[in-house]
Protein backbone atom coordinates (compact mmCIF):
# COMPACT_ATOMS: atom_id res chain seq x y z
CA MET A 1 105.35 105.93 161.04
CA PRO A 2 103.58 109.28 160.76
CA ASN A 3 103.16 111.54 163.85
CA PRO A 4 99.42 112.09 164.80
CA SER A 5 98.09 115.44 164.68
CA SER A 6 95.07 116.63 166.84
CA MET A 7 91.74 117.26 165.04
CA SER A 8 88.45 118.61 166.37
CA ILE A 9 85.54 117.15 164.53
CA GLY A 10 81.89 118.71 164.34
CA PRO A 11 80.22 121.22 166.34
CA GLN A 12 80.93 119.21 169.52
CA ARG A 13 84.61 119.53 168.95
CA LEU A 14 85.11 115.85 169.48
CA GLU A 15 88.92 114.97 169.94
CA GLY A 16 90.51 113.09 167.15
CA GLU A 17 93.94 112.09 166.05
CA LEU A 18 94.86 112.44 162.18
CA CYS A 19 97.80 110.58 160.84
CA LEU A 20 98.71 111.64 157.41
CA VAL A 21 100.78 109.39 155.14
CA ASP A 22 102.78 110.76 152.35
CA PRO A 23 102.00 109.98 149.53
CA PRO A 24 98.41 108.98 150.47
CA CYS A 25 96.50 106.33 149.08
CA GLY A 26 93.32 107.35 150.96
CA ILE A 27 92.03 108.05 154.36
CA VAL A 28 90.31 105.63 156.65
CA VAL A 29 88.06 106.98 159.42
CA PHE A 30 87.43 104.66 162.47
CA ALA A 31 84.20 104.45 164.28
CA HIS A 32 84.92 102.78 167.70
CA GLY A 33 82.48 100.43 169.33
CA SER A 34 80.35 100.66 172.57
CA GLY A 35 82.17 101.46 175.41
CA SER A 36 85.42 102.37 173.78
CA SER A 37 87.07 105.52 172.36
CA ARG A 38 89.64 106.79 169.89
CA ARG A 39 92.31 104.99 172.29
CA SER A 40 91.00 101.57 171.44
CA SER A 41 94.15 99.47 171.48
CA ARG A 42 92.74 97.21 168.74
CA ASN A 43 91.70 100.01 166.54
CA ILE A 44 95.19 101.60 166.98
CA GLN A 45 96.79 98.25 165.92
CA VAL A 46 94.83 98.27 162.69
CA ALA A 47 95.35 102.00 162.08
CA GLU A 48 99.16 101.39 162.35
CA ALA A 49 98.94 98.59 159.95
CA LEU A 50 96.97 100.54 157.51
CA GLN A 51 99.40 103.50 157.85
CA ARG A 52 102.33 101.06 156.94
CA ARG A 53 100.48 100.23 153.68
CA GLY A 54 100.12 103.83 152.89
CA LEU A 55 96.69 104.92 154.12
CA SER A 56 95.97 107.65 156.32
CA THR A 57 93.80 107.26 159.44
CA LEU A 58 91.51 109.28 161.69
CA LEU A 59 90.54 107.90 165.16
CA PHE A 60 88.32 109.98 167.07
CA ASP A 61 85.69 109.99 169.93
CA LEU A 62 82.27 109.57 168.73
CA LEU A 63 80.87 110.92 172.18
CA THR A 64 81.73 113.81 174.50
CA TYR A 65 82.76 112.84 178.00
CA ASP A 66 79.17 113.83 179.14
CA GLU A 67 77.46 111.89 176.45
CA ALA A 68 79.62 108.77 177.21
CA ASP A 69 78.44 108.71 180.75
CA ASN A 70 74.96 107.80 179.49
CA ARG A 71 74.94 104.27 178.47
CA ALA A 72 72.18 104.76 176.12
CA ASN A 73 74.17 106.93 173.64
CA VAL A 74 76.59 104.27 172.95
CA PHE A 75 73.71 102.44 171.44
CA ASP A 76 72.17 105.47 169.70
CA ILE A 77 73.14 104.68 165.99
CA PRO A 78 71.53 107.85 164.44
CA LEU A 79 73.79 109.83 166.76
CA LEU A 80 76.99 107.81 166.16
CA ALA A 81 76.25 107.91 162.47
CA GLN A 82 75.75 111.69 162.55
CA ARG A 83 79.35 112.01 164.43
CA VAL A 84 80.82 110.01 161.65
CA MET A 85 79.32 112.10 158.93
CA ASP A 86 80.65 115.20 160.67
CA ALA A 87 84.13 113.67 160.36
CA ILE A 88 83.56 112.91 156.72
CA ASP A 89 82.43 116.31 156.12
CA ASP A 90 85.29 117.77 157.91
CA LEU A 91 87.72 115.80 155.96
CA SER A 92 86.14 116.34 152.57
CA SER A 93 86.27 120.21 153.29
CA ARG A 94 90.12 120.14 153.91
CA SER A 95 91.25 117.30 151.36
CA ASP A 96 90.19 115.43 148.14
CA GLN A 97 91.48 112.10 149.55
CA ARG A 98 89.23 109.30 149.06
CA ILE A 99 87.59 108.17 152.21
CA GLY A 100 87.04 104.71 153.66
CA LEU A 101 85.03 103.88 157.04
CA PHE A 102 86.29 100.97 159.46
CA GLY A 103 83.70 100.19 162.15
CA ALA A 104 83.90 97.85 165.16
CA SER A 105 80.78 96.47 167.06
CA THR A 106 78.19 99.32 167.18
CA GLY A 107 80.59 101.51 165.33
CA ALA A 108 80.05 99.53 162.32
CA ALA A 109 76.33 100.24 162.18
CA ALA A 110 77.10 104.04 162.37
CA ALA A 111 79.82 103.59 159.62
CA LEU A 112 77.26 101.93 157.27
CA VAL A 113 74.56 104.41 158.07
CA ALA A 114 77.05 107.29 157.38
CA ALA A 115 78.11 105.47 154.06
CA ALA A 116 74.53 105.37 152.99
CA ARG A 117 73.90 109.19 153.84
CA ARG A 118 77.39 110.08 152.07
CA PRO A 119 77.45 108.02 148.93
CA GLN A 120 79.78 110.28 147.06
CA ALA A 121 82.30 110.64 149.76
CA VAL A 122 82.55 107.07 151.31
CA ARG A 123 84.32 104.91 148.86
CA ALA A 124 84.77 101.66 151.04
CA VAL A 125 83.66 100.16 154.38
CA VAL A 126 85.17 97.61 156.61
CA SER A 127 83.31 96.08 159.61
CA ARG A 128 85.23 94.26 162.26
CA GLY A 129 82.97 92.11 164.55
CA GLY A 130 80.25 94.52 163.84
CA ARG A 131 76.59 94.83 164.28
CA PRO A 132 75.40 95.82 160.84
CA ASP A 133 71.91 94.66 161.72
CA LEU A 134 71.70 97.90 163.70
CA ALA A 135 71.96 99.93 160.76
CA GLY A 136 68.37 98.97 159.78
CA ASN A 137 67.09 100.05 156.31
CA ALA A 138 70.14 102.22 155.56
CA LEU A 139 71.91 98.61 154.62
CA ASN A 140 69.81 98.55 151.43
CA GLU A 141 71.11 102.04 150.64
CA VAL A 142 74.86 101.45 151.03
CA VAL A 143 76.65 101.69 147.57
CA ALA A 144 80.29 101.71 148.92
CA PRO A 145 82.02 98.21 148.54
CA THR A 146 81.64 96.71 151.99
CA LEU A 147 83.74 94.12 153.73
CA LEU A 148 82.49 92.24 156.88
CA ILE A 149 85.04 90.51 159.12
CA VAL A 150 83.63 88.19 161.72
CA GLY A 151 85.33 85.72 163.83
CA GLY A 152 84.48 82.09 163.24
CA ALA A 153 83.89 81.43 166.93
CA ASP A 154 81.57 84.54 167.33
CA THR A 155 78.52 82.56 166.19
CA GLU A 156 75.89 85.02 167.03
CA VAL A 157 77.48 87.85 165.45
CA LEU A 158 78.65 85.62 162.43
CA ALA A 159 74.78 84.99 161.92
CA MET A 160 73.67 88.63 162.08
CA ASN A 161 76.61 89.40 159.59
CA ARG A 162 75.37 86.61 157.24
CA ALA A 163 71.76 88.07 157.22
CA ALA A 164 73.09 91.73 156.93
CA LEU A 165 75.21 90.54 153.78
CA ASP A 166 71.92 89.47 151.97
CA ARG A 167 70.53 92.83 152.58
CA LEU A 168 73.47 94.79 151.09
CA HIS A 169 73.21 95.50 147.11
CA CYS A 170 76.91 96.90 146.76
CA ASP A 171 80.03 95.07 146.04
CA LYS A 172 80.33 92.86 149.14
CA ARG A 173 82.29 90.17 150.96
CA LEU A 174 82.08 88.28 154.20
CA GLU A 175 85.43 87.24 155.52
CA ILE A 176 85.51 84.64 158.49
CA VAL A 177 88.64 84.42 160.74
CA PRO A 178 88.80 81.00 161.96
CA ARG A 179 88.69 80.12 165.55
CA ALA A 180 88.59 84.10 166.35
CA THR A 181 86.16 85.40 169.09
CA HIS A 182 84.31 88.81 168.97
CA LEU A 183 87.38 90.82 170.09
CA PHE A 184 89.88 89.02 167.96
CA GLU A 185 92.01 88.39 170.96
CA GLU A 186 93.56 85.24 169.70
CA ALA A 187 97.06 85.22 168.53
CA GLY A 188 97.39 86.59 165.06
CA ALA A 189 93.73 87.18 164.61
CA LEU A 190 93.95 90.98 164.65
CA GLU A 191 96.69 90.93 162.12
CA VAL A 192 94.58 89.12 159.78
CA VAL A 193 91.85 91.67 160.26
CA ALA A 194 94.28 94.40 159.39
CA SER A 195 95.67 92.45 156.37
CA LEU A 196 92.04 91.99 155.06
CA ALA A 197 91.27 95.47 155.65
CA GLY A 198 94.28 96.87 154.31
CA ALA A 199 93.84 95.07 151.00
CA TRP A 200 90.11 96.08 150.75
CA PHE A 201 90.86 99.84 151.28
CA LEU A 202 93.75 99.82 148.79
CA GLU A 203 91.58 98.07 146.13
CA HIS A 204 88.85 100.81 146.63
CA LEU A 205 90.61 103.90 147.79
CA ARG A 206 93.55 104.24 145.37
CA PRO A 207 93.25 106.95 142.77
CA ASN A 208 93.38 104.53 140.02
CA SER A 209 90.81 102.25 141.46
CA GLY A 210 87.96 103.83 139.30
CA ASP A 211 84.79 105.99 140.31
């Protein structure tokens, strides 16, 4: 497994951990959910699985410590999306690797808005138990291939994702993990998420995957 290196993102100098795989198949930026951080154990588990499949990863804090103390900020999708765009811009300035976004919960909405605003840079999006409905009209503008992964027992969020899927006009897919709840805490559920995400990113981020 590659050793992470520290990376500061955007004008706020947000703390991030960049793991570069050699040779790389692309880089996946993680957008964590409400009340979480770059140290999300679930995102770390998925990131490590992606690294084993040849994908570089960036996990970073979407908010500063002071911002995170204000609960309203964790649901401020335009703010969170701007932070994801800052990460995309920083990575694009230092590398020509293809970029994918992996968002969880509210982070999925931020990832989708960022994908709509950076269509040339973002080549694929994966949402884990996400709230794509919070992306609003940006859903109609996403061009990056988008995979929505939802737990079969997460009925309310599943309904939101079905509705969001209808609004997406890109290459899209909804994958339901049977019996899984919102946090995918059931045995083997997160491994299924990582497998689905890895396959999606490799399909769309590999250099020979087309433009």
